[in-house]
Protein backbone atom coordinates (compact mmCIF):
# COMPACT_ATOMS: atom_id res chain seq x y z
CA UNK A 1 5.80 -25.13 -5.92
CA UNK A 2 2.40 -22.83 -5.35
CA UNK A 3 2.85 -19.29 -5.42
CA UNK A 4 0.22 -16.44 -3.78
CA UNK A 5 0.67 -12.67 -4.00
CA UNK A 6 -1.59 -10.51 -0.98
CA UNK A 7 -1.65 -6.80 -2.80
CA UNK A 8 -1.93 -4.21 -0.69
CA UNK A 9 -3.20 -0.20 -1.35
CA UNK A 10 -0.93 2.08 -0.88
CA UNK A 11 1.16 1.77 3.39
CA UNK A 12 0.03 5.00 5.16
CA UNK A 13 2.45 4.36 7.83
CA UNK A 14 5.52 1.61 8.75
CA UNK A 15 3.59 -0.03 11.63
CA UNK A 16 0.63 -0.27 9.46
CA UNK A 17 2.69 -1.88 6.69
CA UNK A 18 4.29 -4.14 9.32
CA UNK A 19 1.68 -5.68 9.84
CA UNK A 20 0.05 -6.33 6.81
CA UNK A 21 3.74 -8.47 6.15
CA UNK A 22 2.79 -10.48 9.47
CA UNK A 23 -0.72 -11.18 7.76
CA UNK A 24 0.72 -12.22 4.58
CA UNK A 25 2.74 -14.62 6.11
CA UNK A 26 0.07 -16.04 7.94
CA UNK A 27 -2.23 -16.35 5.21
CA UNK A 28 1.21 -18.86 3.97
CA UNK A 29 1.29 -16.08 0.71
CA UNK A 30 4.56 -16.07 -0.98
CA UNK A 31 5.09 -12.33 -1.99
CA UNK A 32 2.60 -9.04 -0.97
CA UNK A 33 3.01 -6.10 -3.77
CA UNK A 34 1.81 -2.60 -2.24
CA UNK A 35 1.04 0.26 -4.64
CA UNK A 36 3.27 2.91 -4.71
CA UNK A 37 2.39 6.05 -6.71
CA UNK A 38 2.44 9.77 -6.78
CA UNK A 39 -0.98 12.14 -5.98
CA UNK A 40 0.62 14.30 -8.96
CA UNK A 41 1.58 11.24 -10.82
CA UNK A 42 -1.63 9.29 -10.67
CA UNK A 43 -4.37 11.82 -10.49
CA UNK A 44 -5.06 15.56 -11.91
CA UNK A 45 -5.90 18.52 -9.82
CA UNK A 46 -9.02 18.87 -10.74
CA UNK A 47 -10.25 15.00 -10.96
CA UNK A 48 -13.73 14.59 -9.16
CA UNK A 49 -14.82 11.40 -6.79
CA UNK A 50 -15.31 8.10 -8.94
CA UNK A 51 -16.79 6.61 -5.16
CA UNK A 52 -19.83 6.42 -4.25
CA UNK A 53 -20.16 9.40 -1.14
CA UNK A 54 -21.64 7.23 1.29
CA UNK A 55 -17.77 5.86 1.32
CA UNK A 56 -16.66 9.08 2.91
CA UNK A 57 -13.07 10.25 2.15
CA UNK A 58 -12.80 13.85 -0.19
CA UNK A 59 -14.11 14.91 -3.42
CA UNK A 60 -11.52 14.86 -5.11
CA UNK A 61 -9.09 12.25 -6.29
CA UNK A 62 -5.91 14.31 -6.06
CA UNK A 63 -6.77 15.15 -2.20
CA UNK A 64 -7.36 10.97 -1.27
CA UNK A 65 -3.94 9.91 -2.79
CA UNK A 66 -2.12 12.59 -1.47
CA UNK A 67 -2.34 11.19 1.74
CA UNK A 68 1.16 10.53 3.50
CA UNK A 69 2.86 7.26 2.54
CA UNK A 70 6.20 5.64 3.30
CA UNK A 71 9.83 7.40 3.32
CA UNK A 72 12.70 5.92 0.64
CA UNK A 73 13.72 4.16 4.23
CA UNK A 74 10.47 3.02 5.62
CA UNK A 75 10.55 1.12 2.08
CA UNK A 76 14.03 -0.42 3.13
CA UNK A 77 12.61 -1.23 6.14
CA UNK A 78 9.35 -2.87 4.46
CA UNK A 79 11.23 -5.38 2.76
CA UNK A 80 13.87 -6.11 4.37
CA UNK A 81 11.34 -7.22 7.11
CA UNK A 82 9.34 -8.95 4.56
CA UNK A 83 11.99 -11.46 3.59
CA UNK A 84 13.40 -12.44 6.71
CA UNK A 85 9.44 -13.55 7.18
CA UNK A 86 10.24 -15.47 3.65
CA UNK A 87 7.55 -13.22 2.64
CA UNK A 88 9.63 -11.69 -1.24
CA UNK A 89 8.70 -7.74 -1.95
């Protein structure tokens, strides 16, 4: 059996992450992977943007990666929902 992995960025809200589960299943993917990080471990406070200014967003990598993410309980709900949809997180 061929397995496909949908790779998503860091989810900002549970409803959005649940939409990603549905999209993963609809596309016929068998697995989903989300990025899970904290800004403090990913970028120094003085790290400048590496993306084109025209794309928008803050000038600081740390500020960009500090956006809210899911709580531990929301991650649990996300993984349970994915498994119920036959998507392995």
